[in-house]
Amino acid sequence: MKNEMEKIEKRPIQYWYEDGFNELAFGFIGLCLGFYFWIHTRIPAGSAWHVPWAVVMFPLLYFGIRLLNRMIKALKNKLTYPRTGYVSYRRPESKRKIVILGAFVGLNTFLAYRILRSDALSGWGSIAGIPLVTGLIGAGASFWIGTKTRVFRFFAMAMISALAGIALSLAGLGEMAALGAYWGILGASSCISGAFVLLRYLQRHPSPGADPS
């Protein structure tokens, strides 16, 4: 009985990830971050562009995520809900949102600090430790989502995140180059996963009135 109740409770959350749109959106953000950090590696040392390029990351992420959330809702209204219906789900409590937001802002503040200081770092301080930390944090987040939702492809994403972070921290790349490569790998993996899930969803659930054959 307990297992059945857990399945019923998790079903609305699982339904949110059933069409792959969320993974496609996250993958797009990851690819954009990878491109962002790659551009940073192309800025000459000592250039005045380092500071504005680091600062601009925060508004870009904020408004980009808001825009993608609107796009996800619009796509679900157009493609998902007409096929399989609308399922209401409980949103995270306010305190949990604050904790998640605080962790996100704290991590990105630390990353921005390292970006601004990267030209002055040498020796042990220039070791690519940030990709390792980011990879493990990403792995933990994906593992947590997989545990909460029982959507098992998130466990695969957790493994990809951890392995990418470990490999890139040992690859001998500069910190920003390794970080860009990490987000590129994670973004591409998420896009591939989301595209596969979306295609499978559309095959299983043709649009109303369409010939399933």
Protein backbone atom coordinates (compact mmCIF):
# COMPACT_ATOMS: atom_id res chain seq x y z
CA MET A 1 0.00 0.00 0.00
CA LYS A 2 2.82 2.38 0.87
CA ASN A 3 4.53 1.76 -2.48
CA GLU A 4 1.28 2.38 -4.32
CA MET A 5 0.77 5.67 -2.47
CA GLU A 6 4.31 6.76 -3.33
CA LYS A 7 3.66 5.98 -7.00
CA ILE A 8 0.48 8.05 -6.93
CA GLU A 9 2.27 10.97 -5.23
CA LYS A 10 5.15 10.89 -7.70
CA ARG A 11 3.01 10.58 -10.82
CA PRO A 12 2.25 14.34 -11.19
CA ILE A 13 5.97 15.13 -10.83
CA GLN A 14 6.96 12.42 -13.30
CA TYR A 15 4.41 13.77 -15.75
CA TRP A 16 6.22 17.12 -15.73
CA TYR A 17 9.31 15.37 -17.16
CA GLU A 18 7.48 13.00 -19.51
CA ASP A 19 7.81 15.08 -22.69
CA GLY A 20 11.50 16.03 -22.43
CA PHE A 21 10.95 19.80 -22.69
CA ASN A 22 12.63 20.48 -19.35
CA GLU A 23 15.75 18.59 -20.35
CA LEU A 24 15.86 20.37 -23.70
CA ALA A 25 15.61 23.72 -21.91
CA PHE A 26 18.31 22.80 -19.40
CA GLY A 27 20.49 21.49 -22.22
CA PHE A 28 20.12 24.77 -24.07
CA ILE A 29 21.15 26.68 -20.94
CA GLY A 30 24.13 24.36 -20.53
CA LEU A 31 25.27 24.90 -24.12
CA CYS A 32 24.92 28.67 -23.67
CA LEU A 33 27.02 28.52 -20.50
CA GLY A 34 29.63 26.44 -22.31
CA PHE A 35 29.76 29.03 -25.07
CA TYR A 36 29.91 31.81 -22.47
CA PHE A 37 32.94 30.32 -20.71
CA TRP A 38 34.60 29.53 -24.04
CA ILE A 39 34.33 33.19 -25.04
CA HIS A 40 35.90 34.10 -21.70
CA THR A 41 38.97 32.05 -22.61
CA ARG A 42 39.31 34.10 -25.80
CA ILE A 43 39.45 37.45 -23.96
CA PRO A 44 43.09 38.56 -23.72
CA ALA A 45 44.69 38.61 -20.29
CA GLY A 46 44.42 42.02 -18.66
CA SER A 47 41.58 43.11 -20.91
CA ALA A 48 38.99 45.46 -19.44
CA TRP A 49 36.29 43.13 -20.82
CA HIS A 50 36.85 40.55 -18.07
CA VAL A 51 34.78 42.39 -15.47
CA PRO A 52 31.68 43.23 -17.59
CA TRP A 53 31.78 39.76 -19.16
CA ALA A 54 31.70 38.17 -15.70
CA VAL A 55 28.94 40.45 -14.40
CA VAL A 56 26.68 39.99 -17.43
CA MET A 57 26.31 36.27 -16.65
CA PHE A 58 23.78 36.91 -13.88
CA PRO A 59 21.14 38.90 -15.80
CA LEU A 60 21.58 36.63 -18.83
CA LEU A 61 20.93 33.54 -16.71
CA TYR A 62 18.01 35.11 -14.87
CA PHE A 63 16.15 36.40 -17.90
CA GLY A 64 17.13 33.40 -20.00
CA ILE A 65 15.67 30.96 -17.46
CA ARG A 66 12.48 33.02 -17.16
CA LEU A 67 12.09 33.05 -20.94
CA LEU A 68 12.68 29.32 -21.19
CA ASN A 69 10.10 28.66 -18.46
CA ARG A 70 7.53 30.60 -20.47
CA MET A 71 8.46 28.65 -23.59
CA ILE A 72 8.14 25.33 -21.76
CA LYS A 73 4.66 26.25 -20.54
CA ALA A 74 3.63 27.35 -24.03
CA LEU A 75 4.92 24.13 -25.60
CA LYS A 76 3.22 21.99 -22.99
CA ASN A 77 -0.06 23.85 -23.58
CA LYS A 78 0.27 23.28 -27.33
CA LEU A 79 1.74 19.77 -27.56
CA THR A 80 1.56 17.96 -24.22
CA TYR A 81 -1.74 18.79 -22.56
CA PRO A 82 -3.90 18.28 -25.70
CA ARG A 83 -2.42 14.76 -25.98
CA THR A 84 -2.35 13.47 -22.42
CA GLY A 85 -4.17 16.11 -20.38
CA TYR A 86 -3.19 18.52 -17.67
CA VAL A 87 -1.97 17.21 -14.32
CA SER A 88 -1.59 19.55 -11.39
CA TYR A 89 1.45 19.08 -9.18
CA ARG A 90 2.54 20.56 -5.90
CA ARG A 91 5.19 23.22 -6.26
CA PRO A 92 8.18 23.33 -3.90
CA GLU A 93 7.65 25.13 -0.62
CA SER A 94 8.87 28.71 -0.36
CA LYS A 95 11.67 27.77 2.03
CA ARG A 96 12.95 25.13 -0.35
CA LYS A 97 12.87 27.63 -3.20
CA ILE A 98 14.89 30.06 -1.09
CA VAL A 99 17.48 27.40 -0.26
CA ILE A 100 17.81 26.35 -3.91
CA LEU A 101 18.04 29.95 -5.08
CA GLY A 102 20.60 30.78 -2.39
CA ALA A 103 22.77 27.81 -3.35
CA PHE A 104 22.53 28.76 -7.02
CA VAL A 105 23.45 32.39 -6.39
CA GLY A 106 26.26 31.40 -4.02
CA LEU A 107 27.80 29.00 -6.54
CA ASN A 108 27.64 31.51 -9.36
CA THR A 109 29.07 34.26 -7.15
CA PHE A 110 32.02 32.01 -6.41
CA LEU A 111 32.40 31.23 -10.11
CA ALA A 112 32.30 34.92 -10.98
CA TYR A 113 34.97 35.60 -8.38
CA ARG A 114 37.20 32.94 -9.88
CA ILE A 115 36.61 34.38 -13.35
CA LEU A 116 37.72 37.81 -12.19
CA ARG A 117 40.73 36.36 -10.39
CA SER A 118 41.72 33.73 -12.95
CA ASP A 119 44.38 35.88 -14.64
CA ALA A 120 46.15 36.47 -11.34
CA LEU A 121 46.11 32.83 -10.23
CA SER A 122 49.19 30.67 -10.55
CA GLY A 123 50.56 27.41 -9.19
CA TRP A 124 48.16 25.38 -7.12
CA GLY A 125 45.52 28.11 -7.28
CA SER A 126 45.13 27.63 -11.04
CA ILE A 127 44.31 23.93 -10.78
CA ALA A 128 40.95 23.26 -12.45
CA GLY A 129 39.09 22.47 -9.26
CA ILE A 130 35.91 24.35 -10.16
CA PRO A 131 34.86 21.82 -12.87
CA LEU A 132 35.26 19.06 -10.29
CA VAL A 133 33.12 20.88 -7.71
CA THR A 134 30.55 21.86 -10.35
CA GLY A 135 30.43 18.30 -11.69
CA LEU A 136 29.83 16.84 -8.24
CA ILE A 137 27.17 19.45 -7.42
CA GLY A 138 25.46 18.74 -10.75
CA ALA A 139 25.65 15.02 -10.07
CA GLY A 140 24.11 15.51 -6.64
CA ALA A 141 21.30 17.63 -8.06
CA SER A 142 20.51 15.11 -10.82
CA PHE A 143 20.66 12.23 -8.35
CA TRP A 144 18.28 14.09 -6.03
CA ILE A 145 15.82 14.71 -8.87
CA GLY A 146 16.03 11.05 -9.89
CA THR A 147 15.40 9.92 -6.31
CA LYS A 148 12.43 12.25 -5.86
CA THR A 149 10.81 11.54 -9.23
CA ARG A 150 11.90 7.97 -10.00
CA VAL A 151 12.76 9.20 -13.50
CA PHE A 152 15.81 7.00 -13.89
CA ARG A 153 17.48 8.84 -16.76
CA PHE A 154 18.46 11.50 -14.22
CA PHE A 155 20.72 8.94 -12.58
CA ALA A 156 22.52 8.61 -15.92
CA MET A 157 22.82 12.40 -16.06
CA ALA A 158 24.28 12.34 -12.54
CA MET A 159 26.93 9.87 -13.69
CA ILE A 160 27.75 11.97 -16.78
CA SER A 161 28.07 15.10 -14.64
CA ALA A 162 30.38 13.45 -12.12
CA LEU A 163 32.58 11.78 -14.74
CA ALA A 164 32.83 14.96 -16.82
CA GLY A 165 33.76 17.03 -13.78
CA ILE A 166 36.41 14.55 -12.66
CA ALA A 167 37.90 14.08 -16.15
CA LEU A 168 38.05 17.79 -16.94
CA SER A 169 39.58 18.66 -13.59
CA LEU A 170 42.45 16.30 -14.46
CA ALA A 171 42.74 17.21 -18.15
CA GLY A 172 45.22 20.02 -17.65
CA LEU A 173 42.96 22.66 -19.17
CA GLY A 174 42.57 26.13 -17.79
CA GLU A 175 39.80 26.45 -15.26
CA MET A 176 37.46 28.44 -17.50
CA ALA A 177 38.15 26.24 -20.53
CA ALA A 178 37.41 23.12 -18.47
CA LEU A 179 34.28 24.70 -17.05
CA GLY A 180 33.09 25.60 -20.54
CA ALA A 181 33.76 22.06 -21.72
CA TYR A 182 31.84 20.67 -18.74
CA TRP A 183 28.74 22.74 -19.48
CA GLY A 184 29.02 21.86 -23.14
CA ILE A 185 29.08 18.14 -22.32
CA LEU A 186 26.24 18.41 -19.82
CA GLY A 187 24.17 20.61 -22.13
CA ALA A 188 24.64 18.33 -25.13
CA SER A 189 23.81 15.23 -23.04
CA SER A 190 20.65 16.85 -21.70
CA CYS A 191 19.57 17.96 -25.19
CA ILE A 192 20.09 14.44 -26.57
CA SER A 193 18.15 12.94 -23.67
CA GLY A 194 15.34 15.48 -24.00
CA ALA A 195 15.08 15.02 -27.79
CA PHE A 196 14.89 11.24 -27.43
CA VAL A 197 12.22 11.51 -24.72
CA LEU A 198 10.21 14.03 -26.77
CA LEU A 199 10.28 11.87 -29.93
CA ARG A 200 9.22 8.81 -27.95
CA TYR A 201 6.45 10.79 -26.28
CA LEU A 202 5.10 12.10 -29.61
CA GLN A 203 5.17 8.59 -31.09
CA ARG A 204 3.26 7.16 -28.15
CA HIS A 205 0.77 9.99 -28.01
CA PRO A 206 -0.21 11.28 -31.45
CA SER A 207 -2.12 14.54 -31.62
CA PRO A 208 -5.90 14.35 -31.19
CA GLY A 209 -7.56 13.48 -34.46
CA ALA A 210 -4.33 12.22 -36.05
CA ASP A 211 -4.18 8.78 -37.62
CA PRO A 212 -2.04 6.66 -35.20
CA SER A 213 -1.05 4.38 -38.07
